[in-house]
Amino acid sequence: MRSVYSVGGAGMARSAISFVTAITTLLSISSASLLDTGGNIVGVVAEKLNALKIARATGDIPENINFAIKTGALRDFLDNSVVPYRTAETKSEIKTAEITAAARA
């Protein structure tokens, strides 16, 4: 399982609402939940870096660079929209296959 490695990124100011991830995503996976090792949502994938645009500008092809919205911003949005939700603490690490099965359920 990959992890978050930055709270800022290429051409992106440090942000309290977003972070950069090094996870593999599909082009169409924007708005997918980003889960921690306990299966809890820690963000929502918002955008994938345009690798072709960066390659043209730098001559290098970046891989697996995505931007996600932090849960704090998500909670603010849900609170302002009066949408109920639950919070949880990560109690223990679970296997990736178990997290995947629970997320699909």
C-alpha atoms as a PDB file:
ATOM      1  CA  MET A   1       0.000   0.000   0.000  1.00  0.00           C
ATOM      2  CA  ARG A   2       1.400   3.423  -0.940  1.00  0.00           C
ATOM      3  CA  SER A   3       1.259   6.487   1.261  1.00  0.00           C
ATOM      4  CA  VAL A   4       0.898  10.244   1.201  1.00  0.00           C
ATOM      5  CA  TYR A   5       4.272  11.878   0.685  1.00  0.00           C
ATOM      6  CA  SER A   6       3.621  15.602   0.476  1.00  0.00           C
ATOM      7  CA  VAL A   7       1.150  18.306   1.406  1.00  0.00           C
ATOM      8  CA  GLY A   8       2.218  20.414  -1.561  1.00  0.00           C
ATOM      9  CA  GLY A   9       3.357  19.599  -5.040  1.00  0.00           C
ATOM     10  CA  ALA A  10       4.514  20.731  -8.460  1.00  0.00           C
ATOM     11  CA  GLY A  11       3.016  24.178  -9.010  1.00  0.00           C
ATOM     12  CA  MET A  12       0.759  23.711  -5.980  1.00  0.00           C
ATOM     13  CA  ALA A  13       0.984  25.866  -2.869  1.00  0.00           C
ATOM     14  CA  ARG A  14       1.080  24.152   0.520  1.00  0.00           C
ATOM     15  CA  SER A  15      -2.498  23.491   1.364  1.00  0.00           C
ATOM     16  CA  ALA A  16      -4.590  22.734   4.418  1.00  0.00           C
ATOM     17  CA  ILE A  17      -7.192  21.032   2.224  1.00  0.00           C
ATOM     18  CA  SER A  18      -5.200  18.879  -0.200  1.00  0.00           C
ATOM     19  CA  PHE A  19      -2.160  16.626  -0.436  1.00  0.00           C
ATOM     20  CA  VAL A  20      -0.172  14.704  -3.029  1.00  0.00           C
ATOM     21  CA  THR A  21      -0.225  10.907  -3.098  1.00  0.00           C
ATOM     22  CA  ALA A  22       1.982   8.299  -4.756  1.00  0.00           C
ATOM     23  CA  ILE A  23      -0.780   5.791  -5.390  1.00  0.00           C
ATOM     24  CA  THR A  24      -1.699   4.147  -8.650  1.00  0.00           C
ATOM     25  CA  THR A  25      -5.052   5.399  -9.949  1.00  0.00           C
ATOM     26  CA  LEU A  26      -6.966   5.150 -13.170  1.00  0.00           C
ATOM     27  CA  LEU A  27      -7.837   8.282 -15.127  1.00  0.00           C
ATOM     28  CA  SER A  28     -11.518   7.789 -14.298  1.00  0.00           C
ATOM     29  CA  ILE A  29     -11.043   7.234 -10.567  1.00  0.00           C
ATOM     30  CA  SER A  30     -11.355  10.862  -9.465  1.00  0.00           C
ATOM     31  CA  SER A  31     -13.517  11.105  -6.331  1.00  0.00           C
ATOM     32  CA  ALA A  32     -12.479   7.656  -5.097  1.00  0.00           C
ATOM     33  CA  SER A  33     -11.899   7.263  -1.372  1.00  0.00           C
ATOM     34  CA  LEU A  34      -8.303   7.244  -0.154  1.00  0.00           C
ATOM     35  CA  LEU A  35      -8.080   4.759   2.742  1.00  0.00           C
ATOM     36  CA  ASP A  36      -5.551   4.278   5.524  1.00  0.00           C
ATOM     37  CA  THR A  37      -4.226   0.907   6.701  1.00  0.00           C
ATOM     38  CA  GLY A  38      -7.220   0.570   9.026  1.00  0.00           C
ATOM     39  CA  GLY A  39      -9.707   1.038   6.193  1.00  0.00           C
ATOM     40  CA  ASN A  40     -10.728   4.565   7.237  1.00  0.00           C
ATOM     41  CA  ILE A  41     -11.154   7.355   4.694  1.00  0.00           C
ATOM     42  CA  VAL A  42      -8.275   9.851   4.902  1.00  0.00           C
ATOM     43  CA  GLY A  43      -9.098  11.749   1.716  1.00  0.00           C
ATOM     44  CA  VAL A  44     -10.775  11.717  -1.668  1.00  0.00           C
ATOM     45  CA  VAL A  45      -8.810  11.554  -4.922  1.00  0.00           C
ATOM     46  CA  ALA A  46      -9.436  14.839  -6.706  1.00  0.00           C
ATOM     47  CA  GLU A  47      -7.108  14.904  -9.689  1.00  0.00           C
ATOM     48  CA  LYS A  48      -4.341  13.021 -11.476  1.00  0.00           C
ATOM     49  CA  LEU A  49      -1.216  14.880 -12.613  1.00  0.00           C
ATOM     50  CA  ASN A  50      -1.118  15.371 -16.376  1.00  0.00           C
ATOM     51  CA  ALA A  51       1.976  13.267 -17.118  1.00  0.00           C
ATOM     52  CA  LEU A  52       2.122  14.242 -20.815  1.00  0.00           C
ATOM     53  CA  LYS A  53       2.128  17.951 -20.012  1.00  0.00           C
ATOM     54  CA  ILE A  54       4.913  17.491 -17.449  1.00  0.00           C
ATOM     55  CA  ALA A  55       6.874  15.244 -19.857  1.00  0.00           C
ATOM     56  CA  ARG A  56       6.711  17.891 -22.588  1.00  0.00           C
ATOM     57  CA  ALA A  57       7.921  20.563 -20.163  1.00  0.00           C
ATOM     58  CA  THR A  58      10.631  18.552 -18.371  1.00  0.00           C
ATOM     59  CA  GLY A  59      11.499  15.583 -20.589  1.00  0.00           C
ATOM     60  CA  ASP A  60      10.649  13.249 -17.710  1.00  0.00           C
ATOM     61  CA  ILE A  61       7.505  11.144 -17.286  1.00  0.00           C
ATOM     62  CA  PRO A  62       6.114  11.327 -13.732  1.00  0.00           C
ATOM     63  CA  GLU A  63       4.281   8.275 -12.389  1.00  0.00           C
ATOM     64  CA  ASN A  64       1.514   7.860  -9.825  1.00  0.00           C
ATOM     65  CA  ILE A  65       1.190  11.499  -8.799  1.00  0.00           C
ATOM     66  CA  ASN A  66      -2.321  12.339  -7.702  1.00  0.00           C
ATOM     67  CA  PHE A  67      -3.975  15.019  -5.633  1.00  0.00           C
ATOM     68  CA  ALA A  68      -6.452  14.291  -2.858  1.00  0.00           C
ATOM     69  CA  ILE A  69      -8.689  16.390  -0.631  1.00  0.00           C
ATOM     70  CA  LYS A  70      -8.046  16.016   3.119  1.00  0.00           C
ATOM     71  CA  THR A  71     -10.756  14.767   5.456  1.00  0.00           C
ATOM     72  CA  GLY A  72     -10.888  18.101   7.302  1.00  0.00           C
ATOM     73  CA  ALA A  73     -12.115  19.829   4.153  1.00  0.00           C
ATOM     74  CA  LEU A  74     -14.528  16.961   3.541  1.00  0.00           C
ATOM     75  CA  ARG A  75     -15.928  17.235   7.079  1.00  0.00           C
ATOM     76  CA  ASP A  76     -16.383  21.001   6.649  1.00  0.00           C
ATOM     77  CA  PHE A  77     -18.271  20.419   3.393  1.00  0.00           C
ATOM     78  CA  LEU A  78     -20.489  17.720   4.921  1.00  0.00           C
ATOM     79  CA  ASP A  79     -21.155  19.811   8.040  1.00  0.00           C
ATOM     80  CA  ASN A  80     -22.103  22.876   5.968  1.00  0.00           C
ATOM     81  CA  SER A  81     -24.350  20.709   3.788  1.00  0.00           C
ATOM     82  CA  VAL A  82     -25.920  19.054   6.872  1.00  0.00           C
ATOM     83  CA  VAL A  83     -24.923  15.562   5.702  1.00  0.00           C
ATOM     84  CA  PRO A  84     -24.545  12.964   8.478  1.00  0.00           C
ATOM     85  CA  TYR A  85     -21.323  10.919   8.659  1.00  0.00           C
ATOM     86  CA  ARG A  86     -19.358   8.795  11.141  1.00  0.00           C
ATOM     87  CA  THR A  87     -15.772   9.197  12.292  1.00  0.00           C
ATOM     88  CA  ALA A  88     -13.450   6.424  13.482  1.00  0.00           C
ATOM     89  CA  GLU A  89      -9.989   5.942  14.922  1.00  0.00           C
ATOM     90  CA  THR A  90      -7.636   3.450  13.285  1.00  0.00           C
ATOM     91  CA  LYS A  91      -7.392   0.678  15.867  1.00  0.00           C
ATOM     92  CA  SER A  92      -5.252  -1.809  13.988  1.00  0.00           C
ATOM     93  CA  GLU A  93      -3.744  -2.377  10.578  1.00  0.00           C
ATOM     94  CA  ILE A  94      -5.681  -4.716   8.295  1.00  0.00           C
ATOM     95  CA  LYS A  95      -4.650  -6.434   5.088  1.00  0.00           C
ATOM     96  CA  THR A  96      -5.069  -4.632   1.770  1.00  0.00           C
ATOM     97  CA  ALA A  97      -7.394  -7.370   0.481  1.00  0.00           C
ATOM     98  CA  GLU A  98      -9.676  -6.872   3.501  1.00  0.00           C
ATOM     99  CA  ILE A  99      -9.713  -3.090   3.020  1.00  0.00           C
ATOM    100  CA  THR A 100     -10.576  -3.571  -0.669  1.00  0.00           C
ATOM    101  CA  ALA A 101     -13.401  -5.996   0.129  1.00  0.00           C
ATOM    102  CA  ALA A 102     -14.872  -3.668   2.766  1.00  0.00           C
ATOM    103  CA  ALA A 103     -14.634  -0.635   0.447  1.00  0.00           C
ATOM    104  CA  ARG A 104     -16.473  -2.497  -2.305  1.00  0.00           C
ATOM    105  CA  ALA A 105     -19.250  -3.669   0.037  1.00  0.00           C
END
